Amino acid sequence: MSAADHSLHLVAWVALRALPPERAFAVVKRVGRWLPQRRDRADVARAARRLRLGTCLSRAMTVSARAPGSEVVIGVQKPGEFGAHAWVEVGGEPLKADDVFGEEIARLRRD
């Protein structure tokens, strides 16, 4: 993973601790627009696989911030159960089919 990805991931991680997810993503997107953009799905998927630290939400925001047309999706388990997960979708399709989790509660658009 590049130094730019590490730096952007740190921005995402810190922003999520200080701001609600929508505002944190706005910050990450602003910073991400200064970095080279990932233009094809394969490049976006490769970047997602390389990010290992942090939370699923901080990783999804980091990847999406450099992928025009992508979205961060947040899902939760059914009422009465505990669990949540965030993933990246490109063109309305998840990068990995097994990333989809529970009921969608939020969709944060890159563009």
PDB file of N, CA and C in Angstrom:
ATOM      1  N   MET A   1       0.846  -1.165   0.000  1.00  0.00           N
ATOM      2  CA  MET A   1       0.000   0.000   0.000  1.00  0.00           C
ATOM      3  C   MET A   1       0.899   1.238   0.000  1.00  0.00           C
ATOM      4  N   SER A   2       0.498   2.240  -0.732  1.00  0.00           N
ATOM      5  CA  SER A   2       1.311   3.442  -0.898  1.00  0.00           C
ATOM      6  C   SER A   2       1.243   4.336   0.345  1.00  0.00           C
ATOM      7  N   ALA A   3       2.196   5.257   0.410  1.00  0.00           N
ATOM      8  CA  ALA A   3       2.200   6.235   1.498  1.00  0.00           C
ATOM      9  C   ALA A   3       0.937   7.092   1.437  1.00  0.00           C
ATOM     10  N   ALA A   4       0.460   7.381   0.229  1.00  0.00           N
ATOM     11  CA  ALA A   4      -0.767   8.167   0.078  1.00  0.00           C
ATOM     12  C   ALA A   4      -1.952   7.431   0.690  1.00  0.00           C
ATOM     13  N   ASP A   5      -2.039   6.116   0.468  1.00  0.00           N
ATOM     14  CA  ASP A   5      -3.133   5.328   1.051  1.00  0.00           C
ATOM     15  C   ASP A   5      -3.045   5.312   2.577  1.00  0.00           C
ATOM     16  N   HIS A   6      -1.840   5.142   3.095  1.00  0.00           N
ATOM     17  CA  HIS A   6      -1.661   5.153   4.557  1.00  0.00           C
ATOM     18  C   HIS A   6      -2.093   6.498   5.140  1.00  0.00           C
ATOM     19  N   SER A   7      -1.674   7.564   4.499  1.00  0.00           N
ATOM     20  CA  SER A   7      -2.017   8.900   4.991  1.00  0.00           C
ATOM     21  C   SER A   7      -3.522   9.149   4.930  1.00  0.00           C
ATOM     22  N   LEU A   8      -4.135   8.761   3.820  1.00  0.00           N
ATOM     23  CA  LEU A   8      -5.580   8.949   3.676  1.00  0.00           C
ATOM     24  C   LEU A   8      -6.342   8.104   4.693  1.00  0.00           C
ATOM     25  N   HIS A   9      -5.851   6.899   4.953  1.00  0.00           N
ATOM     26  CA  HIS A   9      -6.504   6.043   5.946  1.00  0.00           C
ATOM     27  C   HIS A   9      -6.404   6.659   7.336  1.00  0.00           C
ATOM     28  N   LEU A  10      -5.287   7.277   7.642  1.00  0.00           N
ATOM     29  CA  LEU A  10      -5.145   7.959   8.927  1.00  0.00           C
ATOM     30  C   LEU A  10      -6.143   9.119   9.026  1.00  0.00           C
ATOM     31  N   VAL A  11      -6.323   9.864   7.938  1.00  0.00           N
ATOM     32  CA  VAL A  11      -7.319  10.943   7.914  1.00  0.00           C
ATOM     33  C   VAL A  11      -8.704  10.369   8.215  1.00  0.00           C
ATOM     34  N   ALA A  12      -9.046   9.252   7.570  1.00  0.00           N
ATOM     35  CA  ALA A  12     -10.356   8.619   7.777  1.00  0.00           C
ATOM     36  C   ALA A  12     -10.517   8.180   9.228  1.00  0.00           C
ATOM     37  N   TRP A  13      -9.511   7.537   9.760  1.00  0.00           N
ATOM     38  CA  TRP A  13      -9.577   7.021  11.129  1.00  0.00           C
ATOM     39  C   TRP A  13      -9.790   8.157  12.129  1.00  0.00           C
ATOM     40  N   VAL A  14      -9.021   9.238  11.977  1.00  0.00           N
ATOM     41  CA  VAL A  14      -9.137  10.383  12.893  1.00  0.00           C
ATOM     42  C   VAL A  14     -10.493  11.078  12.701  1.00  0.00           C
ATOM     43  N   ALA A  15     -10.895  11.283  11.456  1.00  0.00           N
ATOM     44  CA  ALA A  15     -12.169  11.963  11.181  1.00  0.00           C
ATOM     45  C   ALA A  15     -13.339  11.205  11.801  1.00  0.00           C
ATOM     46  N   LEU A  16     -13.297   9.886  11.742  1.00  0.00           N
ATOM     47  CA  LEU A  16     -14.389   9.084  12.309  1.00  0.00           C
ATOM     48  C   LEU A  16     -14.448   9.182  13.833  1.00  0.00           C
ATOM     49  N   ARG A  17     -13.360   9.512  14.456  1.00  0.00           N
ATOM     50  CA  ARG A  17     -13.375   9.661  15.903  1.00  0.00           C
ATOM     51  C   ARG A  17     -13.885  11.037  16.335  1.00  0.00           C
ATOM     52  N   ALA A  18     -13.857  11.995  15.397  1.00  0.00           N
ATOM     53  CA  ALA A  18     -14.237  13.354  15.742  1.00  0.00           C
ATOM     54  C   ALA A  18     -15.577  13.788  15.154  1.00  0.00           C
ATOM     55  N   LEU A  19     -16.039  13.087  14.113  1.00  0.00           N
ATOM     56  CA  LEU A  19     -17.215  13.539  13.370  1.00  0.00           C
ATOM     57  C   LEU A  19     -18.176  12.393  13.096  1.00  0.00           C
ATOM     58  N   PRO A  20     -19.446  12.707  12.818  1.00  0.00           N
ATOM     59  CA  PRO A  20     -20.372  11.676  12.366  1.00  0.00           C
ATOM     60  C   PRO A  20     -19.902  11.146  10.995  1.00  0.00           C
ATOM     61  N   PRO A  21     -20.276   9.916  10.642  1.00  0.00           N
ATOM     62  CA  PRO A  21     -19.783   9.300   9.399  1.00  0.00           C
ATOM     63  C   PRO A  21     -19.948  10.152   8.134  1.00  0.00           C
ATOM     64  N   GLU A  22     -21.084  10.805   7.951  1.00  0.00           N
ATOM     65  CA  GLU A  22     -21.267  11.599   6.731  1.00  0.00           C
ATOM     66  C   GLU A  22     -20.280  12.754   6.661  1.00  0.00           C
ATOM     67  N   ARG A  23     -20.066  13.438   7.761  1.00  0.00           N
ATOM     68  CA  ARG A  23     -19.115  14.556   7.775  1.00  0.00           C
ATOM     69  C   ARG A  23     -17.683  14.056   7.680  1.00  0.00           C
ATOM     70  N   ALA A  24     -17.398  12.930   8.327  1.00  0.00           N
ATOM     71  CA  ALA A  24     -16.052  12.355   8.231  1.00  0.00           C
ATOM     72  C   ALA A  24     -15.743  11.982   6.784  1.00  0.00           C
ATOM     73  N   PHE A  25     -16.716  11.392   6.085  1.00  0.00           N
ATOM     74  CA  PHE A  25     -16.492  11.003   4.701  1.00  0.00           C
ATOM     75  C   PHE A  25     -16.287  12.228   3.822  1.00  0.00           C
ATOM     76  N   ALA A  26     -16.976  13.318   4.115  1.00  0.00           N
ATOM     77  CA  ALA A  26     -16.776  14.551   3.347  1.00  0.00           C
ATOM     78  C   ALA A  26     -15.322  15.021   3.460  1.00  0.00           C
ATOM     79  N   VAL A  27     -14.747  14.923   4.653  1.00  0.00           N
ATOM     80  CA  VAL A  27     -13.344  15.300   4.862  1.00  0.00           C
ATOM     81  C   VAL A  27     -12.430  14.375   4.075  1.00  0.00           C
ATOM     82  N   VAL A  28     -12.667  13.076   4.180  1.00  0.00           N
ATOM     83  CA  VAL A  28     -11.822  12.086   3.503  1.00  0.00           C
ATOM     84  C   VAL A  28     -11.906  12.262   1.987  1.00  0.00           C
ATOM     85  N   LYS A  29     -13.105  12.514   1.471  1.00  0.00           N
ATOM     86  CA  LYS A  29     -13.267  12.739   0.026  1.00  0.00           C
ATOM     87  C   LYS A  29     -12.484  13.967  -0.425  1.00  0.00           C
ATOM     88  N   ARG A  30     -12.552  15.044   0.361  1.00  0.00           N
ATOM     89  CA  ARG A  30     -11.825  16.268   0.003  1.00  0.00           C
ATOM     90  C   ARG A  30     -10.328  15.996  -0.114  1.00  0.00           C
ATOM     91  N   VAL A  31      -9.782  15.274   0.846  1.00  0.00           N
ATOM     92  CA  VAL A  31      -8.353  14.948   0.810  1.00  0.00           C
ATOM     93  C   VAL A  31      -8.075  13.977  -0.346  1.00  0.00           C
ATOM     94  N   GLY A  32      -8.939  12.992  -0.519  1.00  0.00           N
ATOM     95  CA  GLY A  32      -8.753  11.978  -1.564  1.00  0.00           C
ATOM     96  C   GLY A  32      -8.757  12.536  -2.972  1.00  0.00           C
ATOM     97  N   ARG A  33      -9.441  13.629  -3.187  1.00  0.00           N
ATOM     98  CA  ARG A  33      -9.494  14.230  -4.530  1.00  0.00           C
ATOM     99  C   ARG A  33      -8.151  14.808  -4.962  1.00  0.00           C
ATOM    100  N   TRP A  34      -7.265  15.052  -4.002  1.00  0.00           N
ATOM    101  CA  TRP A  34      -5.928  15.557  -4.323  1.00  0.00           C
ATOM    102  C   TRP A  34      -4.985  14.435  -4.747  1.00  0.00           C
ATOM    103  N   LEU A  35      -5.397  13.199  -4.544  1.00  0.00           N
ATOM    104  CA  LEU A  35      -4.559  12.037  -4.856  1.00  0.00           C
ATOM    105  C   LEU A  35      -4.971  11.430  -6.195  1.00  0.00           C
ATOM    106  N   PRO A  36      -4.076  10.650  -6.818  1.00  0.00           N
ATOM    107  CA  PRO A  36      -4.455   9.994  -8.075  1.00  0.00           C
ATOM    108  C   PRO A  36      -5.703   9.120  -7.873  1.00  0.00           C
ATOM    109  N   GLN A  37      -6.613   9.200  -8.827  1.00  0.00           N
ATOM    110  CA  GLN A  37      -7.875   8.459  -8.731  1.00  0.00           C
ATOM    111  C   GLN A  37      -7.740   7.063  -9.328  1.00  0.00           C
ATOM    112  N   ARG A  38      -8.478   6.137  -8.760  1.00  0.00           N
ATOM    113  CA  ARG A  38      -8.508   4.768  -9.281  1.00  0.00           C
ATOM    114  C   ARG A  38      -9.633   4.704 -10.304  1.00  0.00           C
ATOM    115  N   ARG A  39      -9.320   4.344 -11.513  1.00  0.00           N
ATOM    116  CA  ARG A  39     -10.281   4.452 -12.610  1.00  0.00           C
ATOM    117  C   ARG A  39     -11.029   3.170 -12.932  1.00  0.00           C
ATOM    118  N   ASP A  40     -10.490   2.017 -12.561  1.00  0.00           N
ATOM    119  CA  ASP A  40     -11.232   0.792 -12.899  1.00  0.00           C
ATOM    120  C   ASP A  40     -11.479  -0.052 -11.654  1.00  0.00           C
ATOM    121  N   ARG A  41     -12.478  -0.896 -11.750  1.00  0.00           N
ATOM    122  CA  ARG A  41     -12.936  -1.722 -10.633  1.00  0.00           C
ATOM    123  C   ARG A  41     -11.819  -2.604 -10.075  1.00  0.00           C
ATOM    124  N   ALA A  42     -10.987  -3.159 -10.954  1.00  0.00           N
ATOM    125  CA  ALA A  42      -9.901  -4.038 -10.513  1.00  0.00           C
ATOM    126  C   ALA A  42      -8.912  -3.283  -9.631  1.00  0.00           C
ATOM    127  N   ASP A  43      -8.599  -2.050  -9.992  1.00  0.00           N
ATOM    128  CA  ASP A  43      -7.676  -1.244  -9.201  1.00  0.00           C
ATOM    129  C   ASP A  43      -8.286  -0.904  -7.833  1.00  0.00           C
ATOM    130  N   VAL A  44      -9.582  -0.615  -7.813  1.00  0.00           N
ATOM    131  CA  VAL A  44     -10.284  -0.318  -6.557  1.00  0.00           C
ATOM    132  C   VAL A  44     -10.274  -1.569  -5.664  1.00  0.00           C
ATOM    133  N   ALA A  45     -10.559  -2.723  -6.250  1.00  0.00           N
ATOM    134  CA  ALA A  45     -10.585  -3.980  -5.485  1.00  0.00           C
ATOM    135  C   ALA A  45      -9.200  -4.308  -4.927  1.00  0.00           C
ATOM    136  N   ARG A  46      -8.163  -4.077  -5.714  1.00  0.00           N
ATOM    137  CA  ARG A  46      -6.787  -4.314  -5.256  1.00  0.00           C
ATOM    138  C   ARG A  46      -6.469  -3.424  -4.052  1.00  0.00           C
ATOM    139  N   ALA A  47      -6.844  -2.169  -4.139  1.00  0.00           N
ATOM    140  CA  ALA A  47      -6.600  -1.246  -3.023  1.00  0.00           C
ATOM    141  C   ALA A  47      -7.341  -1.705  -1.768  1.00  0.00           C
ATOM    142  N   ALA A  48      -8.566  -2.156  -1.934  1.00  0.00           N
ATOM    143  CA  ALA A  48      -9.364  -2.623  -0.784  1.00  0.00           C
ATOM    144  C   ALA A  48      -8.708  -3.836  -0.125  1.00  0.00           C
ATOM    145  N   ARG A  49      -8.165  -4.733  -0.928  1.00  0.00           N
ATOM    146  CA  ARG A  49      -7.513  -5.929  -0.366  1.00  0.00           C
ATOM    147  C   ARG A  49      -6.249  -5.577   0.412  1.00  0.00           C
ATOM    148  N   ARG A  50      -5.570  -4.520   0.024  1.00  0.00           N
ATOM    149  CA  ARG A  50      -4.308  -4.143   0.667  1.00  0.00           C
ATOM    150  C   ARG A  50      -4.505  -3.467   2.023  1.00  0.00           C
ATOM    151  N   LEU A  51      -5.653  -2.832   2.222  1.00  0.00           N
ATOM    152  CA  LEU A  51      -5.918  -2.173   3.506  1.00  0.00           C
ATOM    153  C   LEU A  51      -6.311  -3.223   4.535  1.00  0.00           C
ATOM    154  N   ARG A  52      -5.548  -3.331   5.601  1.00  0.00           N
ATOM    155  CA  ARG A  52      -5.826  -4.369   6.589  1.00  0.00           C
ATOM    156  C   ARG A  52      -6.127  -3.812   7.977  1.00  0.00           C
ATOM    157  N   LEU A  53      -5.578  -2.678   8.300  1.00  0.00           N
ATOM    158  CA  LEU A  53      -5.767  -2.116   9.643  1.00  0.00           C
ATOM    159  C   LEU A  53      -6.981  -1.204   9.672  1.00  0.00           C
ATOM    160  N   GLY A  54      -7.359  -0.792  10.858  1.00  0.00           N
ATOM    161  CA  GLY A  54      -8.487   0.111  11.015  1.00  0.00           C
ATOM    162  C   GLY A  54      -9.806  -0.638  11.059  1.00  0.00           C
ATOM    163  N   THR A  55     -10.880   0.118  10.902  1.00  0.00           N
ATOM    164  CA  THR A  55     -12.219  -0.474  10.918  1.00  0.00           C
ATOM    165  C   THR A  55     -12.709  -0.670   9.490  1.00  0.00           C
ATOM    166  N   CYS A  56     -13.759  -1.436   9.329  1.00  0.00           N
ATOM    167  CA  CYS A  56     -14.324  -1.620   7.993  1.00  0.00           C
ATOM    168  C   CYS A  56     -14.785  -0.281   7.425  1.00  0.00           C
ATOM    169  N   LEU A  57     -15.274   0.610   8.289  1.00  0.00           N
ATOM    170  CA  LEU A  57     -15.746   1.912   7.829  1.00  0.00           C
ATOM    171  C   LEU A  57     -14.578   2.809   7.408  1.00  0.00           C
ATOM    172  N   SER A  58     -13.512   2.841   8.185  1.00  0.00           N
ATOM    173  CA  SER A  58     -12.364   3.673   7.801  1.00  0.00           C
ATOM    174  C   SER A  58     -11.716   3.143   6.518  1.00  0.00           C
ATOM    175  N   ARG A  59     -11.651   1.834   6.368  1.00  0.00           N
ATOM    176  CA  ARG A  59     -11.095   1.253   5.136  1.00  0.00           C
ATOM    177  C   ARG A  59     -11.980   1.563   3.934  1.00  0.00           C
ATOM    178  N   ALA A  60     -13.302   1.401   4.096  1.00  0.00           N
ATOM    179  CA  ALA A  60     -14.224   1.669   2.987  1.00  0.00           C
ATOM    180  C   ALA A  60     -14.149   3.137   2.565  1.00  0.00           C
ATOM    181  N   MET A  61     -14.083   4.044   3.526  1.00  0.00           N
ATOM    182  CA  MET A  61     -13.983   5.464   3.195  1.00  0.00           C
ATOM    183  C   MET A  61     -12.682   5.772   2.460  1.00  0.00           C
ATOM    184  N   THR A  62     -11.600   5.164   2.901  1.00  0.00           N
ATOM    185  CA  THR A  62     -10.299   5.377   2.271  1.00  0.00           C
ATOM    186  C   THR A  62     -10.317   4.927   0.814  1.00  0.00           C
ATOM    187  N   VAL A  63     -10.848   3.756   0.559  1.00  0.00           N
ATOM    188  CA  VAL A  63     -10.897   3.219  -0.804  1.00  0.00           C
ATOM    189  C   VAL A  63     -11.831   4.052  -1.669  1.00  0.00           C
ATOM    190  N   SER A  64     -13.000   4.353  -1.174  1.00  0.00           N
ATOM    191  CA  SER A  64     -13.998   5.080  -1.953  1.00  0.00           C
ATOM    192  C   SER A  64     -13.553   6.500  -2.285  1.00  0.00           C
ATOM    193  N   ALA A  65     -12.788   7.124  -1.402  1.00  0.00           N
ATOM    194  CA  ALA A  65     -12.366   8.515  -1.611  1.00  0.00           C
ATOM    195  C   ALA A  65     -11.522   8.688  -2.863  1.00  0.00           C
ATOM    196  N   ARG A  66     -10.922   7.607  -3.351  1.00  0.00           N
ATOM    197  CA  ARG A  66     -10.099   7.674  -4.565  1.00  0.00           C
ATOM    198  C   ARG A  66     -10.729   6.920  -5.727  1.00  0.00           C
ATOM    199  N   ALA A  67     -12.007   6.594  -5.619  1.00  0.00           N
ATOM    200  CA  ALA A  67     -12.697   5.810  -6.648  1.00  0.00           C
ATOM    201  C   ALA A  67     -13.965   6.520  -7.098  1.00  0.00           C
ATOM    202  N   PRO A  68     -13.877   7.369  -8.128  1.00  0.00           N
ATOM    203  CA  PRO A  68     -15.075   8.066  -8.619  1.00  0.00           C
ATOM    204  C   PRO A  68     -16.207   7.090  -8.938  1.00  0.00           C
ATOM    205  N   GLY A  69     -17.418   7.479  -8.571  1.00  0.00           N
ATOM    206  CA  GLY A  69     -18.583   6.635  -8.838  1.00  0.00           C
ATOM    207  C   GLY A  69     -18.824   5.551  -7.807  1.00  0.00           C
ATOM    208  N   SER A  70     -18.003   5.516  -6.759  1.00  0.00           N
ATOM    209  CA  SER A  70     -18.173   4.480  -5.735  1.00  0.00           C
ATOM    210  C   SER A  70     -19.045   4.996  -4.591  1.00  0.00           C
ATOM    211  N   GLU A  71     -19.453   4.066  -3.732  1.00  0.00           N
ATOM    212  CA  GLU A  71     -20.253   4.392  -2.555  1.00  0.00           C
ATOM    213  C   GLU A  71     -19.795   3.545  -1.375  1.00  0.00           C
ATOM    214  N   VAL A  72     -19.904   4.108  -0.191  1.00  0.00           N
ATOM    215  CA  VAL A  72     -19.700   3.363   1.044  1.00  0.00           C
ATOM    216  C   VAL A  72     -21.087   2.990   1.546  1.00  0.00           C
ATOM    217  N   VAL A  73     -21.302   1.722   1.802  1.00  0.00           N
ATOM    218  CA  VAL A  73     -22.596   1.245   2.277  1.00  0.00           C
ATOM    219  C   VAL A  73     -22.407   0.696   3.694  1.00  0.00           C
ATOM    220  N   ILE A  74     -23.346   1.038   4.574  1.00  0.00           N
ATOM    221  CA  ILE A  74     -23.305   0.558   5.957  1.00  0.00           C
ATOM    222  C   ILE A  74     -24.544  -0.294   6.193  1.00  0.00           C
ATOM    223  N   GLY A  75     -24.326  -1.498   6.684  1.00  0.00           N
ATOM    224  CA  GLY A  75     -25.423  -2.407   6.986  1.00  0.00           C
ATOM    225  C   GLY A  75     -25.372  -2.861   8.433  1.00  0.00           C
ATOM    226  N   VAL A  76     -26.548  -3.187   8.988  1.00  0.00           N
ATOM    227  CA  VAL A  76     -26.636  -3.695  10.360  1.00  0.00           C
ATOM    228  C   VAL A  76     -27.469  -4.970  10.376  1.00  0.00           C
ATOM    229  N   GLN A  77     -27.249  -5.771  11.417  1.00  0.00           N
ATOM    230  CA  GLN A  77     -28.044  -6.979  11.590  1.00  0.00           C
ATOM    231  C   GLN A  77     -29.470  -6.609  11.962  1.00  0.00           C
ATOM    232  N   LYS A  78     -30.317  -7.625  11.982  1.00  0.00           N
ATOM    233  CA  LYS A  78     -31.730  -7.437  12.336  1.00  0.00           C
ATOM    234  C   LYS A  78     -31.866  -6.878  13.743  1.00  0.00           C
ATOM    235  N   PRO A  79     -32.991  -6.214  14.040  1.00  0.00           N
ATOM    236  CA  PRO A  79     -33.220  -5.711  15.405  1.00  0.00           C
ATOM    237  C   PRO A  79     -33.058  -6.828  16.440  1.00  0.00           C
ATOM    238  N   GLY A  80     -32.459  -6.489  17.550  1.00  0.00           N
ATOM    239  CA  GLY A  80     -32.247  -7.453  18.616  1.00  0.00           C
ATOM    240  C   GLY A  80     -30.926  -8.188  18.507  1.00  0.00           C
ATOM    241  N   GLU A  81     -30.236  -8.043  17.392  1.00  0.00           N
ATOM    242  CA  GLU A  81     -28.923  -8.650  17.201  1.00  0.00           C
ATOM    243  C   GLU A  81     -27.903  -7.524  17.112  1.00  0.00           C
ATOM    244  N   PHE A  82     -26.640  -7.844  17.342  1.00  0.00           N
ATOM    245  CA  PHE A  82     -25.610  -6.816  17.296  1.00  0.00           C
ATOM    246  C   PHE A  82     -24.656  -7.109  16.158  1.00  0.00           C
ATOM    247  N   GLY A  83     -24.363  -6.121  15.383  1.00  0.00           N
ATOM    248  CA  GLY A  83     -23.373  -6.250  14.328  1.00  0.00           C
ATOM    249  C   GLY A  83     -23.609  -5.221  13.246  1.00  0.00           C
ATOM    250  N   ALA A  84     -22.531  -4.724  12.702  1.00  0.00           N
ATOM    251  CA  ALA A  84     -22.600  -3.768  11.606  1.00  0.00           C
ATOM    252  C   ALA A  84     -21.378  -3.980  10.727  1.00  0.00           C
ATOM    253  N   HIS A  85     -21.483  -3.555   9.487  1.00  0.00           N
ATOM    254  CA  HIS A  85     -20.363  -3.689   8.554  1.00  0.00           C
ATOM    255  C   HIS A  85     -20.488  -2.624   7.484  1.00  0.00           C
ATOM    256  N   ALA A  86     -19.359  -2.148   6.999  1.00  0.00           N
ATOM    257  CA  ALA A  86     -19.325  -1.177   5.898  1.00  0.00           C
ATOM    258  C   ALA A  86     -18.524  -1.782   4.753  1.00  0.00           C
ATOM    259  N   TRP A  87     -18.961  -1.490   3.532  1.00  0.00           N
ATOM    260  CA  TRP A  87     -18.265  -1.995   2.348  1.00  0.00           C
ATOM    261  C   TRP A  87     -18.352  -0.970   1.231  1.00  0.00           C
ATOM    262  N   VAL A  88     -17.580  -1.209   0.176  1.00  0.00           N
ATOM    263  CA  VAL A  88     -17.553  -0.321  -0.983  1.00  0.00           C
ATOM    264  C   VAL A  88     -18.318  -0.966  -2.122  1.00  0.00           C
ATOM    265  N   GLU A  89     -19.128  -0.152  -2.793  1.00  0.00           N
ATOM    266  CA  GLU A  89     -19.790  -0.589  -4.020  1.00  0.00           C
ATOM    267  C   GLU A  89     -19.331   0.303  -5.162  1.00  0.00           C
ATOM    268  N   VAL A  90     -19.120  -0.311  -6.308  1.00  0.00           N
ATOM    269  CA  VAL A  90     -18.766   0.409  -7.531  1.00  0.00           C
ATOM    270  C   VAL A  90     -19.817   0.050  -8.567  1.00  0.00           C
ATOM    271  N   GLY A  91     -20.461   1.061  -9.107  1.00  0.00           N
ATOM    272  CA  GLY A  91     -21.517   0.808 -10.080  1.00  0.00           C
ATOM    273  C   GLY A  91     -22.680   0.033  -9.490  1.00  0.00           C
ATOM    274  N   GLY A  92     -22.936   0.217  -8.193  1.00  0.00           N
ATOM    275  CA  GLY A  92     -24.053  -0.453  -7.532  1.00  0.00           C
ATOM    276  C   GLY A  92     -23.786  -1.901  -7.149  1.00  0.00           C
ATOM    277  N   GLU A  93     -22.566  -2.380  -7.374  1.00  0.00           N
ATOM    278  CA  GLU A  93     -22.197  -3.764  -7.039  1.00  0.00           C
ATOM    279  C   GLU A  93     -21.081  -3.763  -5.999  1.00  0.00           C
ATOM    280  N   PRO A  94     -21.201  -4.592  -4.954  1.00  0.00           N
ATOM    281  CA  PRO A  94     -20.132  -4.667  -3.950  1.00  0.00           C
ATOM    282  C   PRO A  94     -18.838  -5.195  -4.572  1.00  0.00           C
ATOM    283  N   LEU A  95     -17.706  -4.722  -4.062  1.00  0.00           N
ATOM    284  CA  LEU A  95     -16.422  -5.231  -4.561  1.00  0.00           C
ATOM    285  C   LEU A  95     -16.316  -6.731  -4.340  1.00  0.00           C
ATOM    286  N   LYS A  96     -16.808  -7.195  -3.195  1.00  0.00           N
ATOM    287  CA  LYS A  96     -16.852  -8.630  -2.897  1.00  0.00           C
ATOM    288  C   LYS A  96     -18.280  -8.975  -2.495  1.00  0.00           C
ATOM    289  N   ALA A  97     -18.838 -10.001  -3.104  1.00  0.00           N
ATOM    290  CA  ALA A  97     -20.231 -10.376  -2.822  1.00  0.00           C
ATOM    291  C   ALA A  97     -20.446 -10.688  -1.342  1.00  0.00           C
ATOM    292  N   ASP A  98     -19.441 -11.261  -0.675  1.00  0.00           N
ATOM    293  CA  ASP A  98     -19.620 -11.634   0.732  1.00  0.00           C
ATOM    294  C   ASP A  98     -19.446 -10.448   1.685  1.00  0.00           C
ATOM    295  N   ASP A  99     -19.193  -9.249   1.158  1.00  0.00           N
ATOM    296  CA  ASP A  99     -19.126  -8.058   2.000  1.00  0.00           C
ATOM    297  C   ASP A  99     -20.502  -7.585   2.457  1.00  0.00           C
ATOM    298  N   VAL A 100     -21.528  -7.849   1.676  1.00  0.00           N
ATOM    299  CA  VAL A 100     -22.871  -7.370   2.006  1.00  0.00           C
ATOM    300  C   VAL A 100     -23.297  -7.978   3.338  1.00  0.00           C
ATOM    301  N   PHE A 101     -23.823  -7.114   4.219  1.00  0.00           N
ATOM    302  CA  PHE A 101     -24.116  -7.558   5.578  1.00  0.00           C
ATOM    303  C   PHE A 101     -25.399  -6.918   6.062  1.00  0.00           C
ATOM    304  N   GLY A 102     -26.348  -7.724   6.450  1.00  0.00           N
ATOM    305  CA  GLY A 102     -27.562  -7.236   7.102  1.00  0.00           C
ATOM    306  C   GLY A 102     -28.379  -6.283   6.256  1.00  0.00           C
ATOM    307  N   GLU A 103     -29.068  -5.405   6.948  1.00  0.00           N
ATOM    308  CA  GLU A 103     -29.964  -4.438   6.312  1.00  0.00           C
ATOM    309  C   GLU A 103     -29.232  -3.107   6.129  1.00  0.00           C
ATOM    310  N   GLU A 104     -29.269  -2.573   4.929  1.00  0.00           N
ATOM    311  CA  GLU A 104     -28.610  -1.304   4.647  1.00  0.00           C
ATOM    312  C   GLU A 104     -29.274  -0.167   5.429  1.00  0.00           C
ATOM    313  N   ILE A 105     -28.446   0.623   6.122  1.00  0.00           N
ATOM    314  CA  ILE A 105     -28.986   1.778   6.848  1.00  0.00           C
ATOM    315  C   ILE A 105     -28.426   3.103   6.327  1.00  0.00           C
ATOM    316  N   ALA A 106     -27.325   3.050   5.571  1.00  0.00           N
ATOM    317  CA  ALA A 106     -26.745   4.292   5.045  1.00  0.00           C
ATOM    318  C   ALA A 106     -25.944   3.996   3.789  1.00  0.00           C
ATOM    319  N   ARG A 107     -25.930   4.982   2.926  1.00  0.00           N
ATOM    320  CA  ARG A 107     -25.161   4.923   1.685  1.00  0.00           C
ATOM    321  C   ARG A 107     -24.502   6.274   1.516  1.00  0.00           C
ATOM    322  N   LEU A 108     -23.177   6.288   1.526  1.00  0.00           N
ATOM    323  CA  LEU A 108     -22.415   7.524   1.408  1.00  0.00           C
ATOM    324  C   LEU A 108     -21.802   7.568   0.006  1.00  0.00           C
ATOM    325  N   ARG A 109     -22.227   8.538  -0.792  1.00  0.00           N
ATOM    326  CA  ARG A 109     -21.783   8.619  -2.178  1.00  0.00           C
ATOM    327  C   ARG A 109     -20.472   9.371  -2.307  1.00  0.00           C
ATOM    328  N   ARG A 110     -19.629   8.850  -3.173  1.00  0.00           N
ATOM    329  CA  ARG A 110     -18.313   9.458  -3.429  1.00  0.00           C
ATOM    330  C   ARG A 110     -18.488  10.768  -4.190  1.00  0.00           C
ATOM    331  N   ASP A 111     -19.323  10.785  -5.213  1.00  0.00           N
ATOM    332  CA  ASP A 111     -19.489  11.987  -6.059  1.00  0.00           C
ATOM    333  C   ASP A 111     -20.778  12.693  -5.756  1.00  0.00           C
TER     334      ASP A 111
END
